[in-house]
C-alpha atoms as a PDB file:
ATOM      1  CA  ALA A   1    -240.993 -29.288 -40.471  1.00  0.00           C
ATOM      2  CA  ASN A   2    -243.491 -26.824 -41.851  1.00  0.00           C
ATOM      3  CA  PRO A   3    -243.007 -23.352 -40.347  1.00  0.00           C
ATOM      4  CA  SER A   4    -246.417 -22.219 -41.641  1.00  0.00           C
ATOM      5  CA  LEU A   5    -248.244 -24.862 -39.595  1.00  0.00           C
ATOM      6  CA  HIS A   6    -249.457 -23.528 -36.242  1.00  0.00           C
ATOM      7  CA  LEU A   7    -251.119 -26.289 -34.224  1.00  0.00           C
ATOM      8  CA  PHE A   8    -251.426 -24.084 -31.123  1.00  0.00           C
ATOM      9  CA  PRO A   9    -252.688 -20.698 -32.367  1.00  0.00           C
ATOM     10  CA  GLY A  10    -252.568 -18.435 -29.318  1.00  0.00           C
ATOM     11  CA  HIS A  11    -255.784 -16.586 -30.117  1.00  0.00           C
ATOM     12  CA  MET A  12    -257.671 -19.910 -30.066  1.00  0.00           C
ATOM     13  CA  GLN A  13    -256.271 -21.351 -26.844  1.00  0.00           C
ATOM     14  CA  GLU A  14    -259.534 -21.283 -24.865  1.00  0.00           C
ATOM     15  CA  ALA A  15    -261.526 -22.772 -27.740  1.00  0.00           C
ATOM     16  CA  LEU A  16    -258.847 -25.436 -28.298  1.00  0.00           C
ATOM     17  CA  ASP A  17    -258.876 -26.398 -24.640  1.00  0.00           C
ATOM     18  CA  ALA A  18    -262.683 -26.624 -24.694  1.00  0.00           C
ATOM     19  CA  MET A  19    -262.726 -28.815 -27.823  1.00  0.00           C
ATOM     20  CA  ILE A  20    -260.048 -31.134 -26.454  1.00  0.00           C
ATOM     21  CA  ALA A  21    -261.894 -31.426 -23.139  1.00  0.00           C
ATOM     22  CA  ALA A  22    -265.230 -32.064 -24.894  1.00  0.00           C
ATOM     23  CA  ASN A  23    -263.684 -34.943 -26.855  1.00  0.00           C
ATOM     24  CA  TYR A  24    -261.473 -36.548 -24.242  1.00  0.00           C
ATOM     25  CA  ASP A  25    -263.914 -38.287 -21.923  1.00  0.00           C
ATOM     26  CA  PRO A  26    -266.525 -39.529 -24.392  1.00  0.00           C
ATOM     27  CA  VAL A  27    -264.160 -40.360 -27.287  1.00  0.00           C
ATOM     28  CA  ASN A  28    -260.493 -40.751 -26.328  1.00  0.00           C
ATOM     29  CA  ASN A  29    -261.222 -42.321 -22.958  1.00  0.00           C
ATOM     30  CA  GLY A  30    -264.650 -43.598 -24.014  1.00  0.00           C
ATOM     31  CA  VAL A  31    -263.297 -46.401 -26.166  1.00  0.00           C
ATOM     32  CA  TYR A  32    -261.463 -47.739 -23.117  1.00  0.00           C
ATOM     33  CA  LYS A  33    -264.579 -47.370 -20.979  1.00  0.00           C
ATOM     34  CA  CYS A  34    -266.477 -49.452 -23.530  1.00  0.00           C
ATOM     35  CA  GLY A  35    -263.796 -52.103 -23.841  1.00  0.00           C
ATOM     36  CA  PHE A  36    -263.111 -52.491 -20.147  1.00  0.00           C
ATOM     37  CA  ALA A  37    -266.649 -52.042 -18.817  1.00  0.00           C
ATOM     38  CA  GLY A  38    -267.282 -54.302 -15.877  1.00  0.00           C
ATOM     39  CA  ASN A  39    -270.921 -54.871 -16.733  1.00  0.00           C
ATOM     40  CA  GLN A  40    -273.465 -54.355 -19.501  1.00  0.00           C
ATOM     41  CA  GLY A  41    -274.835 -51.154 -17.980  1.00  0.00           C
ATOM     42  CA  ALA A  42    -271.425 -49.499 -17.865  1.00  0.00           C
ATOM     43  CA  HIS A  43    -270.753 -50.579 -21.453  1.00  0.00           C
ATOM     44  CA  GLU A  44    -274.055 -49.149 -22.678  1.00  0.00           C
ATOM     45  CA  GLU A  45    -273.502 -45.858 -20.843  1.00  0.00           C
ATOM     46  CA  ALA A  46    -270.012 -45.442 -22.312  1.00  0.00           C
ATOM     47  CA  SER A  47    -271.226 -46.453 -25.768  1.00  0.00           C
ATOM     48  CA  ARG A  48    -274.059 -43.918 -25.694  1.00  0.00           C
ATOM     49  CA  ALA A  49    -271.661 -41.124 -24.702  1.00  0.00           C
ATOM     50  CA  LEU A  50    -269.137 -42.172 -27.357  1.00  0.00           C
ATOM     51  CA  PHE A  51    -271.636 -42.314 -30.212  1.00  0.00           C
ATOM     52  CA  LYS A  52    -273.398 -39.130 -29.105  1.00  0.00           C
ATOM     53  CA  ARG A  53    -270.104 -37.241 -29.338  1.00  0.00           C
ATOM     54  CA  LEU A  54    -269.182 -38.922 -32.627  1.00  0.00           C
ATOM     55  CA  ASP A  55    -272.538 -37.820 -34.059  1.00  0.00           C
ATOM     56  CA  GLU A  56    -271.847 -34.247 -32.910  1.00  0.00           C
ATOM     57  CA  LEU A  57    -268.385 -34.342 -34.476  1.00  0.00           C
ATOM     58  CA  GLU A  58    -269.776 -35.761 -37.711  1.00  0.00           C
ATOM     59  CA  GLU A  59    -272.233 -32.868 -37.915  1.00  0.00           C
ATOM     60  CA  LEU A  60    -269.491 -30.322 -37.199  1.00  0.00           C
ATOM     61  CA  LEU A  61    -267.086 -31.854 -39.713  1.00  0.00           C
ATOM     62  CA  GLY A  62    -269.838 -31.933 -42.313  1.00  0.00           C
ATOM     63  CA  LYS A  63    -269.728 -28.124 -42.239  1.00  0.00           C
ATOM     64  CA  GLN A  64    -265.989 -27.528 -41.935  1.00  0.00           C
ATOM     65  CA  ARG A  65    -262.829 -29.423 -42.729  1.00  0.00           C
ATOM     66  CA  TYR A  66    -261.201 -29.313 -39.288  1.00  0.00           C
ATOM     67  CA  LEU A  67    -262.518 -29.237 -35.733  1.00  0.00           C
ATOM     68  CA  MET A  68    -261.657 -25.583 -35.238  1.00  0.00           C
ATOM     69  CA  GLY A  69    -262.522 -24.339 -38.718  1.00  0.00           C
ATOM     70  CA  ASP A  70    -260.373 -24.145 -41.820  1.00  0.00           C
ATOM     71  CA  ALA A  71    -256.988 -24.935 -40.285  1.00  0.00           C
ATOM     72  CA  MET A  72    -255.643 -28.039 -38.606  1.00  0.00           C
ATOM     73  CA  THR A  73    -254.886 -27.607 -34.908  1.00  0.00           C
ATOM     74  CA  VAL A  74    -253.793 -29.729 -31.993  1.00  0.00           C
ATOM     75  CA  ALA A  75    -257.473 -30.574 -31.363  1.00  0.00           C
ATOM     76  CA  ASP A  76    -257.523 -32.557 -34.615  1.00  0.00           C
ATOM     77  CA  TRP A  77    -254.381 -34.447 -33.633  1.00  0.00           C
ATOM     78  CA  TYR A  78    -255.732 -35.237 -30.161  1.00  0.00           C
ATOM     79  CA  LEU A  79    -258.918 -36.659 -31.634  1.00  0.00           C
END
């Protein structure tokens, strides 16, 4: 255990919740939506949402090391 590691910094709780929510449906759940799509249209819709969010995350992570800035948080682990 590393006592200096704070994955849930209290002052960032709202921002953490927002980041986790922004990633969940298009990324975490999106891969399942793509894989289990019942038709081509559903697959394309899920794929567009997934890759749109991945592009946004790539841009963000091109500017900073972690999702929330310079420290790892639970949002990084959830992704």
